[in-house]
N, C-alpha and C. Protein backbone atom coordinates (compact mmCIF):
# COMPACT_ATOMS: atom_id res chain seq x y z
N MET A 1 -38.64 -32.65 -14.77
CA MET A 1 -38.19 -31.29 -14.53
C MET A 1 -36.84 -31.11 -15.20
N ASN A 2 -36.78 -30.26 -16.18
CA ASN A 2 -35.52 -30.00 -16.87
C ASN A 2 -35.22 -28.51 -16.80
N PRO A 3 -33.99 -28.15 -16.43
CA PRO A 3 -33.66 -26.73 -16.43
C PRO A 3 -33.53 -26.26 -17.88
N ASP A 4 -34.02 -25.06 -18.16
CA ASP A 4 -33.93 -24.53 -19.51
C ASP A 4 -32.51 -24.16 -19.90
N ASN A 5 -31.64 -23.78 -18.94
CA ASN A 5 -30.25 -23.45 -19.23
C ASN A 5 -29.38 -24.03 -18.11
N PRO A 6 -28.89 -25.27 -18.27
CA PRO A 6 -28.21 -25.95 -17.17
C PRO A 6 -26.85 -25.37 -16.80
N SER A 7 -26.30 -24.44 -17.57
CA SER A 7 -24.99 -23.88 -17.22
C SER A 7 -25.10 -22.54 -16.51
N SER A 8 -26.27 -22.00 -16.33
CA SER A 8 -26.47 -20.72 -15.66
C SER A 8 -26.69 -20.93 -14.16
N PRO A 9 -26.20 -19.99 -13.32
CA PRO A 9 -26.51 -20.12 -11.89
C PRO A 9 -28.01 -19.92 -11.60
N ILE A 10 -28.68 -19.16 -12.45
CA ILE A 10 -30.14 -19.01 -12.37
C ILE A 10 -30.74 -20.13 -13.19
N ARG A 11 -31.65 -20.87 -12.59
CA ARG A 11 -32.26 -22.01 -13.29
C ARG A 11 -33.74 -21.72 -13.51
N ILE A 12 -34.20 -22.01 -14.71
CA ILE A 12 -35.63 -21.99 -15.00
C ILE A 12 -36.06 -23.44 -15.08
N ILE A 13 -37.00 -23.80 -14.23
CA ILE A 13 -37.49 -25.17 -14.15
C ILE A 13 -38.94 -25.17 -14.64
N THR A 14 -39.25 -26.09 -15.53
CA THR A 14 -40.61 -26.23 -16.02
C THR A 14 -41.10 -27.63 -15.69
N PRO A 15 -41.79 -27.79 -14.56
CA PRO A 15 -42.28 -29.12 -14.18
C PRO A 15 -43.30 -29.65 -15.20
N ALA A 16 -43.29 -30.94 -15.40
CA ALA A 16 -44.27 -31.56 -16.28
C ALA A 16 -45.66 -31.49 -15.64
N ARG A 17 -46.63 -31.14 -16.46
CA ARG A 17 -48.02 -31.16 -16.02
C ARG A 17 -48.73 -32.31 -16.72
N HIS A 18 -49.51 -33.04 -15.95
CA HIS A 18 -50.27 -34.16 -16.49
C HIS A 18 -51.74 -33.79 -16.40
N GLY A 19 -52.36 -33.60 -17.56
CA GLY A 19 -53.73 -33.10 -17.57
C GLY A 19 -54.72 -34.04 -18.21
N ASP A 20 -55.97 -33.79 -17.88
CA ASP A 20 -57.10 -34.48 -18.50
C ASP A 20 -58.30 -33.54 -18.38
N ALA A 21 -59.51 -34.07 -18.58
CA ALA A 21 -60.71 -33.25 -18.57
C ALA A 21 -60.94 -32.55 -17.23
N ARG A 22 -60.37 -33.07 -16.15
CA ARG A 22 -60.55 -32.48 -14.82
C ARG A 22 -59.65 -31.28 -14.58
N GLY A 23 -58.52 -31.20 -15.29
CA GLY A 23 -57.51 -30.16 -15.06
C GLY A 23 -56.13 -30.76 -15.21
N TRP A 24 -55.22 -30.48 -14.28
CA TRP A 24 -53.87 -31.02 -14.38
C TRP A 24 -53.29 -31.27 -13.00
N PHE A 25 -52.18 -32.01 -12.97
CA PHE A 25 -51.42 -32.33 -11.77
C PHE A 25 -49.95 -32.15 -12.10
N MET A 26 -49.18 -31.63 -11.13
CA MET A 26 -47.72 -31.54 -11.30
C MET A 26 -47.03 -31.67 -9.96
N GLU A 27 -45.80 -32.12 -9.99
CA GLU A 27 -44.95 -32.14 -8.81
C GLU A 27 -44.19 -30.82 -8.79
N SER A 28 -44.58 -29.91 -7.90
CA SER A 28 -43.94 -28.59 -7.86
C SER A 28 -42.59 -28.62 -7.16
N TRP A 29 -42.38 -29.62 -6.31
CA TRP A 29 -41.12 -29.76 -5.61
C TRP A 29 -40.83 -31.24 -5.46
N ARG A 30 -39.73 -31.67 -6.02
CA ARG A 30 -39.27 -33.04 -5.85
C ARG A 30 -37.75 -32.98 -5.77
N GLU A 31 -37.23 -33.22 -4.59
CA GLU A 31 -35.82 -32.99 -4.29
C GLU A 31 -34.88 -33.67 -5.26
N ASP A 32 -35.10 -34.95 -5.58
CA ASP A 32 -34.15 -35.66 -6.45
C ASP A 32 -34.13 -35.09 -7.86
N ARG A 33 -35.28 -34.73 -8.40
CA ARG A 33 -35.32 -34.18 -9.76
C ARG A 33 -34.74 -32.78 -9.82
N LEU A 34 -35.00 -31.98 -8.80
CA LEU A 34 -34.42 -30.64 -8.78
C LEU A 34 -32.91 -30.70 -8.57
N ALA A 35 -32.44 -31.63 -7.76
CA ALA A 35 -30.99 -31.79 -7.58
C ALA A 35 -30.34 -32.17 -8.92
N ALA A 36 -30.98 -33.03 -9.68
CA ALA A 36 -30.46 -33.41 -10.99
C ALA A 36 -30.44 -32.22 -11.95
N ALA A 37 -31.31 -31.24 -11.71
CA ALA A 37 -31.36 -30.02 -12.52
C ALA A 37 -30.45 -28.92 -11.98
N GLY A 38 -29.67 -29.23 -10.94
CA GLY A 38 -28.72 -28.26 -10.40
C GLY A 38 -29.21 -27.46 -9.22
N VAL A 39 -30.37 -27.79 -8.69
CA VAL A 39 -30.91 -27.11 -7.51
C VAL A 39 -30.69 -28.06 -6.34
N ASP A 40 -29.60 -27.83 -5.61
CA ASP A 40 -29.21 -28.79 -4.59
C ASP A 40 -29.09 -28.18 -3.19
N CYS A 41 -29.95 -27.25 -2.88
CA CYS A 41 -29.91 -26.67 -1.54
C CYS A 41 -31.09 -27.19 -0.72
N ARG A 42 -30.97 -27.01 0.56
CA ARG A 42 -32.03 -27.43 1.49
C ARG A 42 -32.94 -26.23 1.75
N PHE A 43 -34.23 -26.39 1.53
CA PHE A 43 -35.19 -25.32 1.78
C PHE A 43 -35.80 -25.49 3.15
N VAL A 44 -35.96 -24.36 3.88
CA VAL A 44 -36.43 -24.41 5.26
C VAL A 44 -37.69 -23.58 5.51
N GLN A 45 -38.08 -22.76 4.52
CA GLN A 45 -39.22 -21.86 4.72
C GLN A 45 -39.94 -21.66 3.40
N ASP A 46 -41.27 -21.66 3.44
CA ASP A 46 -42.09 -21.31 2.27
C ASP A 46 -42.73 -19.96 2.52
N ASN A 47 -42.73 -19.11 1.49
CA ASN A 47 -43.38 -17.80 1.55
C ASN A 47 -44.49 -17.74 0.50
N HIS A 48 -45.52 -16.95 0.79
CA HIS A 48 -46.66 -16.79 -0.11
C HIS A 48 -46.96 -15.30 -0.19
N SER A 49 -46.95 -14.76 -1.40
CA SER A 49 -47.15 -13.34 -1.63
C SER A 49 -48.38 -13.12 -2.50
N PHE A 50 -49.20 -12.13 -2.13
CA PHE A 50 -50.35 -11.74 -2.94
C PHE A 50 -50.21 -10.26 -3.28
N SER A 51 -50.43 -9.92 -4.54
CA SER A 51 -50.41 -8.52 -5.00
C SER A 51 -51.69 -8.29 -5.80
N ALA A 52 -52.47 -7.29 -5.39
CA ALA A 52 -53.80 -7.08 -5.97
C ALA A 52 -53.79 -6.37 -7.32
N THR A 53 -52.92 -5.39 -7.50
CA THR A 53 -53.02 -4.54 -8.69
C THR A 53 -51.87 -4.75 -9.67
N VAL A 54 -52.16 -4.53 -10.95
CA VAL A 54 -51.13 -4.54 -11.98
C VAL A 54 -50.13 -3.43 -11.67
N GLY A 55 -48.85 -3.71 -11.85
CA GLY A 55 -47.81 -2.71 -11.59
C GLY A 55 -47.32 -2.70 -10.16
N THR A 56 -47.71 -3.68 -9.35
CA THR A 56 -47.15 -3.80 -8.00
C THR A 56 -45.73 -4.35 -8.15
N LEU A 57 -44.77 -3.64 -7.59
CA LEU A 57 -43.37 -4.02 -7.72
C LEU A 57 -42.79 -4.30 -6.34
N ARG A 58 -42.17 -5.44 -6.20
CA ARG A 58 -41.52 -5.83 -4.94
C ARG A 58 -40.07 -6.15 -5.25
N GLY A 59 -39.17 -5.43 -4.59
CA GLY A 59 -37.76 -5.72 -4.81
C GLY A 59 -36.97 -4.48 -5.10
N VAL A 60 -35.73 -4.68 -5.24
CA VAL A 60 -34.93 -5.89 -5.36
C VAL A 60 -34.47 -6.30 -3.96
N HIS A 61 -34.85 -7.50 -3.50
CA HIS A 61 -34.63 -7.93 -2.12
C HIS A 61 -33.65 -9.09 -2.03
N PHE A 62 -32.99 -9.19 -0.87
CA PHE A 62 -32.11 -10.31 -0.55
C PHE A 62 -31.81 -10.26 0.93
N GLN A 63 -31.24 -11.33 1.45
CA GLN A 63 -30.74 -11.36 2.83
C GLN A 63 -29.23 -11.53 2.77
N THR A 64 -28.54 -10.87 3.69
CA THR A 64 -27.09 -10.94 3.73
C THR A 64 -26.64 -12.11 4.60
N PRO A 65 -25.39 -12.57 4.39
CA PRO A 65 -24.84 -13.65 5.23
C PRO A 65 -24.80 -13.20 6.69
N PRO A 66 -24.95 -14.09 7.62
CA PRO A 66 -25.02 -15.55 7.49
C PRO A 66 -26.44 -16.07 7.24
N HIS A 67 -27.36 -15.20 6.86
CA HIS A 67 -28.75 -15.60 6.64
C HIS A 67 -29.15 -15.49 5.16
N ALA A 68 -28.16 -15.51 4.27
CA ALA A 68 -28.44 -15.39 2.84
C ALA A 68 -29.35 -16.52 2.38
N GLN A 69 -30.21 -16.20 1.42
CA GLN A 69 -31.22 -17.16 0.97
C GLN A 69 -31.10 -17.46 -0.52
N ALA A 70 -31.19 -18.72 -0.86
CA ALA A 70 -31.52 -19.14 -2.22
C ALA A 70 -33.04 -19.25 -2.25
N LYS A 71 -33.64 -19.05 -3.44
CA LYS A 71 -35.10 -19.09 -3.55
C LYS A 71 -35.51 -19.88 -4.79
N LEU A 72 -36.61 -20.59 -4.66
CA LEU A 72 -37.26 -21.24 -5.78
C LEU A 72 -38.65 -20.64 -5.86
N ILE A 73 -38.92 -19.90 -6.95
CA ILE A 73 -40.11 -19.05 -7.04
C ILE A 73 -41.03 -19.56 -8.14
N ARG A 74 -42.34 -19.53 -7.86
CA ARG A 74 -43.33 -19.84 -8.88
C ARG A 74 -44.56 -18.98 -8.68
N CYS A 75 -45.22 -18.67 -9.76
CA CYS A 75 -46.45 -17.89 -9.75
C CYS A 75 -47.62 -18.86 -9.86
N THR A 76 -48.52 -18.82 -8.89
CA THR A 76 -49.65 -19.74 -8.88
C THR A 76 -50.97 -19.09 -9.30
N ARG A 77 -50.94 -17.78 -9.46
CA ARG A 77 -52.13 -17.04 -9.90
C ARG A 77 -51.67 -15.78 -10.59
N GLY A 78 -52.16 -15.52 -11.80
CA GLY A 78 -51.76 -14.33 -12.53
C GLY A 78 -50.43 -14.49 -13.24
N ALA A 79 -49.73 -13.35 -13.44
CA ALA A 79 -48.44 -13.37 -14.15
C ALA A 79 -47.58 -12.21 -13.67
N VAL A 80 -46.29 -12.47 -13.60
CA VAL A 80 -45.31 -11.47 -13.17
C VAL A 80 -44.09 -11.52 -14.07
N ILE A 81 -43.35 -10.42 -14.08
CA ILE A 81 -41.98 -10.43 -14.61
C ILE A 81 -41.09 -10.59 -13.38
N ASP A 82 -40.34 -11.67 -13.33
CA ASP A 82 -39.49 -12.00 -12.20
C ASP A 82 -38.04 -11.72 -12.59
N VAL A 83 -37.29 -11.09 -11.68
CA VAL A 83 -35.95 -10.60 -11.98
C VAL A 83 -34.95 -11.11 -10.94
N ALA A 84 -33.77 -11.52 -11.42
CA ALA A 84 -32.65 -11.88 -10.55
C ALA A 84 -31.46 -11.01 -10.93
N VAL A 85 -30.81 -10.40 -9.91
CA VAL A 85 -29.68 -9.48 -10.12
C VAL A 85 -28.43 -10.07 -9.49
N ASP A 86 -27.35 -10.14 -10.25
CA ASP A 86 -26.07 -10.67 -9.77
C ASP A 86 -25.42 -9.66 -8.81
N LEU A 87 -25.24 -10.05 -7.56
CA LEU A 87 -24.66 -9.19 -6.53
C LEU A 87 -23.35 -9.77 -5.98
N ARG A 88 -22.73 -10.68 -6.72
CA ARG A 88 -21.52 -11.35 -6.25
C ARG A 88 -20.28 -10.52 -6.60
N ARG A 89 -19.61 -10.02 -5.57
CA ARG A 89 -18.41 -9.21 -5.71
C ARG A 89 -17.38 -9.94 -6.58
N GLY A 90 -16.85 -9.27 -7.59
CA GLY A 90 -15.86 -9.87 -8.48
C GLY A 90 -16.44 -10.59 -9.67
N SER A 91 -17.74 -10.72 -9.74
CA SER A 91 -18.37 -11.40 -10.88
C SER A 91 -18.27 -10.52 -12.12
N PRO A 92 -17.96 -11.11 -13.28
CA PRO A 92 -17.95 -10.32 -14.52
C PRO A 92 -19.35 -9.83 -14.90
N THR A 93 -20.38 -10.38 -14.27
CA THR A 93 -21.75 -9.95 -14.55
C THR A 93 -22.37 -9.24 -13.34
N TYR A 94 -21.52 -8.70 -12.45
CA TYR A 94 -21.99 -7.97 -11.26
C TYR A 94 -22.91 -6.83 -11.69
N GLY A 95 -24.07 -6.76 -11.06
CA GLY A 95 -25.04 -5.69 -11.34
C GLY A 95 -25.94 -5.98 -12.53
N ARG A 96 -25.66 -7.04 -13.28
CA ARG A 96 -26.54 -7.39 -14.40
C ARG A 96 -27.68 -8.27 -13.91
N HIS A 97 -28.70 -8.36 -14.73
CA HIS A 97 -29.88 -9.11 -14.32
C HIS A 97 -30.42 -9.96 -15.46
N VAL A 98 -31.27 -10.89 -15.09
CA VAL A 98 -32.08 -11.65 -16.04
C VAL A 98 -33.52 -11.51 -15.60
N ALA A 99 -34.43 -11.61 -16.56
CA ALA A 99 -35.85 -11.48 -16.27
C ALA A 99 -36.62 -12.50 -17.09
N ILE A 100 -37.71 -12.99 -16.50
CA ILE A 100 -38.54 -13.98 -17.18
C ILE A 100 -39.97 -13.83 -16.68
N GLU A 101 -40.92 -14.16 -17.55
CA GLU A 101 -42.31 -14.17 -17.11
C GLU A 101 -42.60 -15.50 -16.41
N LEU A 102 -43.13 -15.39 -15.21
CA LEU A 102 -43.64 -16.53 -14.48
C LEU A 102 -45.14 -16.35 -14.39
N SER A 103 -45.89 -17.40 -14.68
CA SER A 103 -47.34 -17.27 -14.62
C SER A 103 -47.96 -18.59 -14.18
N ALA A 104 -49.20 -18.50 -13.73
CA ALA A 104 -49.94 -19.71 -13.41
C ALA A 104 -50.10 -20.56 -14.66
N GLU A 105 -50.22 -19.92 -15.80
CA GLU A 105 -50.43 -20.63 -17.05
C GLU A 105 -49.17 -21.37 -17.52
N ASN A 106 -47.98 -20.70 -17.47
CA ASN A 106 -46.79 -21.37 -18.01
C ASN A 106 -46.14 -22.33 -17.01
N GLY A 107 -46.43 -22.20 -15.72
CA GLY A 107 -45.95 -23.15 -14.73
C GLY A 107 -44.46 -23.12 -14.45
N ARG A 108 -43.73 -22.18 -15.04
CA ARG A 108 -42.28 -22.14 -14.84
C ARG A 108 -41.93 -21.70 -13.42
N GLN A 109 -40.75 -22.12 -12.98
CA GLN A 109 -40.19 -21.73 -11.69
C GLN A 109 -38.80 -21.16 -11.94
N MET A 110 -38.41 -20.17 -11.13
CA MET A 110 -37.05 -19.64 -11.22
C MET A 110 -36.32 -19.96 -9.93
N PHE A 111 -35.14 -20.59 -10.07
CA PHE A 111 -34.26 -20.81 -8.93
C PHE A 111 -33.23 -19.70 -8.93
N ILE A 112 -33.13 -19.00 -7.78
CA ILE A 112 -32.17 -17.90 -7.60
C ILE A 112 -31.25 -18.29 -6.46
N PRO A 113 -29.95 -18.52 -6.74
CA PRO A 113 -29.04 -18.92 -5.67
C PRO A 113 -28.63 -17.75 -4.78
N VAL A 114 -27.96 -18.07 -3.69
CA VAL A 114 -27.38 -17.05 -2.81
C VAL A 114 -26.46 -16.16 -3.65
N GLY A 115 -26.48 -14.88 -3.36
CA GLY A 115 -25.64 -13.93 -4.08
C GLY A 115 -26.37 -13.14 -5.15
N PHE A 116 -27.67 -13.36 -5.24
CA PHE A 116 -28.49 -12.66 -6.22
C PHE A 116 -29.64 -11.96 -5.51
N GLY A 117 -30.00 -10.76 -6.00
CA GLY A 117 -31.18 -10.08 -5.53
C GLY A 117 -32.38 -10.55 -6.33
N HIS A 118 -33.57 -10.38 -5.75
CA HIS A 118 -34.80 -10.83 -6.40
C HIS A 118 -35.85 -9.73 -6.35
N GLY A 119 -36.57 -9.59 -7.46
CA GLY A 119 -37.70 -8.68 -7.50
C GLY A 119 -38.70 -9.14 -8.55
N PHE A 120 -39.91 -8.59 -8.47
CA PHE A 120 -40.91 -8.89 -9.50
C PHE A 120 -41.89 -7.75 -9.60
N VAL A 121 -42.54 -7.68 -10.76
CA VAL A 121 -43.62 -6.73 -11.00
C VAL A 121 -44.80 -7.51 -11.56
N THR A 122 -46.00 -7.18 -11.08
CA THR A 122 -47.20 -7.87 -11.55
C THR A 122 -47.62 -7.32 -12.91
N ILE A 123 -48.01 -8.22 -13.80
CA ILE A 123 -48.50 -7.80 -15.12
C ILE A 123 -49.97 -8.17 -15.31
N THR A 124 -50.56 -8.80 -14.31
CA THR A 124 -52.00 -9.05 -14.27
C THR A 124 -52.46 -8.72 -12.85
N PRO A 125 -53.75 -8.51 -12.65
CA PRO A 125 -54.22 -8.30 -11.28
C PRO A 125 -54.23 -9.62 -10.50
N ASP A 126 -54.28 -9.48 -9.19
CA ASP A 126 -54.45 -10.62 -8.28
C ASP A 126 -53.41 -11.72 -8.50
N CYS A 127 -52.15 -11.37 -8.30
CA CYS A 127 -51.05 -12.32 -8.48
C CYS A 127 -50.65 -12.95 -7.15
N GLU A 128 -50.36 -14.24 -7.21
CA GLU A 128 -49.84 -14.95 -6.04
C GLU A 128 -48.55 -15.65 -6.43
N LEU A 129 -47.53 -15.46 -5.59
CA LEU A 129 -46.26 -16.15 -5.74
C LEU A 129 -46.01 -17.01 -4.52
N LEU A 130 -45.48 -18.19 -4.75
CA LEU A 130 -45.03 -19.07 -3.69
C LEU A 130 -43.54 -19.26 -3.90
N TYR A 131 -42.77 -19.15 -2.82
CA TYR A 131 -41.35 -19.42 -2.98
C TYR A 131 -40.75 -20.06 -1.75
N LYS A 132 -39.86 -21.00 -2.06
CA LYS A 132 -39.11 -21.72 -1.04
C LYS A 132 -37.83 -20.95 -0.78
N CYS A 133 -37.40 -20.92 0.48
CA CYS A 133 -36.18 -20.22 0.87
C CYS A 133 -35.25 -21.17 1.61
N SER A 134 -33.95 -21.00 1.39
CA SER A 134 -32.96 -21.89 2.00
C SER A 134 -32.50 -21.42 3.38
N ALA A 135 -32.97 -20.27 3.83
CA ALA A 135 -32.66 -19.77 5.18
C ALA A 135 -33.92 -19.09 5.72
N TYR A 136 -34.03 -19.08 7.03
CA TYR A 136 -35.18 -18.43 7.66
C TYR A 136 -35.09 -16.92 7.51
N TYR A 137 -36.24 -16.26 7.51
CA TYR A 137 -36.25 -14.80 7.48
C TYR A 137 -35.55 -14.28 8.73
N ALA A 138 -34.63 -13.34 8.53
CA ALA A 138 -33.88 -12.71 9.63
C ALA A 138 -33.93 -11.20 9.41
N PRO A 139 -34.71 -10.46 10.21
CA PRO A 139 -34.86 -9.03 9.99
C PRO A 139 -33.53 -8.28 9.94
N GLU A 140 -32.55 -8.71 10.74
CA GLU A 140 -31.26 -8.01 10.76
C GLU A 140 -30.46 -8.23 9.47
N ALA A 141 -30.83 -9.20 8.66
CA ALA A 141 -30.13 -9.49 7.41
C ALA A 141 -30.92 -9.02 6.18
N ASP A 142 -32.11 -8.50 6.40
CA ASP A 142 -32.99 -8.07 5.32
C ASP A 142 -32.39 -6.86 4.62
N ALA A 143 -32.22 -6.94 3.30
CA ALA A 143 -31.58 -5.86 2.55
C ALA A 143 -32.21 -5.75 1.16
N GLY A 144 -31.82 -4.73 0.43
CA GLY A 144 -32.34 -4.57 -0.91
C GLY A 144 -31.70 -3.41 -1.64
N LEU A 145 -32.03 -3.30 -2.91
CA LEU A 145 -31.57 -2.21 -3.78
C LEU A 145 -32.77 -1.59 -4.45
N ARG A 146 -32.61 -0.32 -4.84
CA ARG A 146 -33.72 0.41 -5.49
C ARG A 146 -34.11 -0.25 -6.80
N TRP A 147 -35.39 -0.34 -6.99
CA TRP A 147 -35.95 -0.92 -8.21
C TRP A 147 -35.56 -0.14 -9.46
N ASP A 148 -35.36 1.18 -9.29
CA ASP A 148 -35.05 2.05 -10.43
C ASP A 148 -33.60 2.51 -10.45
N CYS A 149 -32.71 1.77 -9.81
CA CYS A 149 -31.29 2.11 -9.79
C CYS A 149 -30.76 2.15 -11.22
N PRO A 150 -30.16 3.27 -11.63
CA PRO A 150 -29.68 3.36 -13.02
C PRO A 150 -28.56 2.37 -13.33
N ASP A 151 -27.79 1.96 -12.32
CA ASP A 151 -26.72 0.98 -12.56
C ASP A 151 -27.28 -0.41 -12.85
N LEU A 152 -28.47 -0.70 -12.35
CA LEU A 152 -29.10 -2.00 -12.64
C LEU A 152 -29.84 -1.97 -13.98
N ALA A 153 -30.41 -0.82 -14.32
CA ALA A 153 -31.09 -0.61 -15.61
C ALA A 153 -32.09 -1.72 -15.93
N ILE A 154 -32.95 -2.03 -14.98
CA ILE A 154 -33.96 -3.07 -15.19
C ILE A 154 -35.16 -2.47 -15.90
N ASP A 155 -35.56 -3.07 -17.01
CA ASP A 155 -36.79 -2.67 -17.69
C ASP A 155 -37.91 -3.51 -17.10
N TRP A 156 -38.70 -2.90 -16.25
CA TRP A 156 -39.78 -3.60 -15.56
C TRP A 156 -41.04 -3.70 -16.43
N GLY A 157 -41.01 -3.14 -17.62
CA GLY A 157 -42.17 -3.20 -18.50
C GLY A 157 -43.31 -2.30 -18.06
N LEU A 158 -42.99 -1.25 -17.33
CA LEU A 158 -44.03 -0.35 -16.82
C LEU A 158 -44.46 0.70 -17.84
N ASN A 159 -43.67 0.88 -18.89
CA ASN A 159 -43.99 1.83 -19.96
C ASN A 159 -44.35 3.21 -19.44
N GLY A 160 -43.53 3.72 -18.51
CA GLY A 160 -43.71 5.06 -17.98
C GLY A 160 -44.66 5.18 -16.81
N ARG A 161 -45.39 4.12 -16.48
CA ARG A 161 -46.29 4.15 -15.33
C ARG A 161 -45.50 4.02 -14.05
N GLU A 162 -45.97 4.64 -13.00
CA GLU A 162 -45.35 4.50 -11.68
C GLU A 162 -45.81 3.19 -11.05
N PRO A 163 -44.89 2.43 -10.48
CA PRO A 163 -45.30 1.18 -9.83
C PRO A 163 -45.92 1.44 -8.46
N THR A 164 -46.63 0.46 -7.96
CA THR A 164 -47.09 0.47 -6.58
C THR A 164 -45.97 -0.13 -5.76
N LEU A 165 -45.43 0.66 -4.80
CA LEU A 165 -44.26 0.27 -4.01
C LEU A 165 -44.54 0.37 -2.53
N SER A 166 -43.79 -0.37 -1.74
CA SER A 166 -43.82 -0.18 -0.29
C SER A 166 -42.95 1.03 0.06
N ASP A 167 -43.17 1.62 1.22
CA ASP A 167 -42.31 2.71 1.67
C ASP A 167 -40.87 2.25 1.78
N ARG A 168 -40.66 1.03 2.25
CA ARG A 168 -39.31 0.47 2.36
C ARG A 168 -38.61 0.45 1.00
N ASP A 169 -39.31 -0.04 -0.03
CA ASP A 169 -38.68 -0.14 -1.35
C ASP A 169 -38.35 1.23 -1.94
N ARG A 170 -39.09 2.25 -1.57
CA ARG A 170 -38.79 3.61 -2.05
C ARG A 170 -37.48 4.14 -1.46
N ARG A 171 -37.09 3.62 -0.29
CA ARG A 171 -35.92 4.14 0.42
C ARG A 171 -34.65 3.31 0.25
N LEU A 172 -34.71 2.23 -0.49
CA LEU A 172 -33.54 1.36 -0.63
C LEU A 172 -32.41 2.09 -1.36
N PRO A 173 -31.15 1.70 -1.11
CA PRO A 173 -30.02 2.35 -1.77
C PRO A 173 -29.83 1.85 -3.20
N CYS A 174 -28.99 2.56 -3.94
CA CYS A 174 -28.59 2.13 -5.28
C CYS A 174 -27.36 1.23 -5.18
N LEU A 175 -27.04 0.57 -6.26
CA LEU A 175 -25.92 -0.36 -6.31
C LEU A 175 -24.60 0.31 -5.91
N ALA A 176 -24.39 1.56 -6.31
CA ALA A 176 -23.14 2.27 -6.00
C ALA A 176 -22.94 2.46 -4.50
N GLU A 177 -24.02 2.42 -3.72
CA GLU A 177 -23.95 2.58 -2.27
C GLU A 177 -23.87 1.24 -1.54
N PHE A 178 -23.80 0.16 -2.28
CA PHE A 178 -23.88 -1.19 -1.71
C PHE A 178 -22.49 -1.83 -1.69
N ASP A 179 -22.06 -2.31 -0.52
CA ASP A 179 -20.81 -3.05 -0.38
C ASP A 179 -21.18 -4.53 -0.27
N SER A 180 -21.04 -5.25 -1.36
CA SER A 180 -21.54 -6.62 -1.43
C SER A 180 -20.80 -7.57 -0.50
N PRO A 181 -21.55 -8.35 0.29
CA PRO A 181 -20.94 -9.40 1.12
C PRO A 181 -20.87 -10.75 0.40
N PHE A 182 -21.32 -10.79 -0.85
CA PHE A 182 -21.38 -12.04 -1.60
C PHE A 182 -20.14 -12.21 -2.47
N ALA A 183 -19.57 -13.39 -2.48
CA ALA A 183 -18.38 -13.68 -3.27
C ALA A 183 -18.77 -14.37 -4.58
N TYR A 184 -18.01 -14.09 -5.61
CA TYR A 184 -18.19 -14.72 -6.91
C TYR A 184 -17.70 -16.16 -6.86
N ASP A 185 -18.50 -17.08 -7.41
CA ASP A 185 -18.16 -18.50 -7.35
C ASP A 185 -17.63 -19.07 -8.67
N GLY A 186 -17.36 -18.20 -9.64
CA GLY A 186 -16.82 -18.66 -10.90
C GLY A 186 -17.85 -18.97 -11.96
N SER A 187 -19.12 -18.79 -11.65
CA SER A 187 -20.19 -19.09 -12.59
C SER A 187 -20.91 -17.79 -12.97
N PRO A 188 -20.57 -17.19 -14.13
CA PRO A 188 -21.20 -15.92 -14.50
C PRO A 188 -22.67 -16.08 -14.83
N LEU A 189 -23.40 -14.99 -14.70
CA LEU A 189 -24.81 -14.95 -15.06
C LEU A 189 -24.92 -15.07 -16.57
N LEU A 190 -25.77 -15.97 -17.04
CA LEU A 190 -25.97 -16.18 -18.47
C LEU A 190 -27.39 -15.81 -18.84
N PRO A 191 -27.61 -15.46 -20.11
CA PRO A 191 -28.99 -15.19 -20.54
C PRO A 191 -29.87 -16.42 -20.34
N LEU A 192 -31.13 -16.18 -20.10
CA LEU A 192 -32.06 -17.31 -19.88
C LEU A 192 -32.56 -17.89 -21.18
């Protein structure tokens, strides 16, 4: 497991797959190798998400302290554009984002540390995401920002189509209405 950009707070991990005529095998989580790649948090909860239709958009979501979560995300079926948004107060990259395709085919994983929002849009039908979280779900800490916030300027690749959204995601605030509880740690967001 090697991170694609070891100096970025967002890590893209591509686990080795060992294949033969039967298919393939990979270690999707191995603490020592991920720690060597800069992922050194303790995960306490696994989440599994299924989205049936192309253009299903979830996000931009995060939990606030003291229940803030780091996440390690992978797509096990289909393909998505996965996005991480810098929400760390004082960061020179505050409000900026990075995006990458995660798919069952490419096997990549994205590590998103505390202080970043997360969202994704499906680009194939019947997508499944699995992600590890470093804190338990806490409804009182559940927060998010609008997917179409002009200050975030995320290109979700929808090409003018309306996404499939939850009622909650339609009502989230924009970045200008958000008072960030996350502090900048000195590591700016870098391109992936």
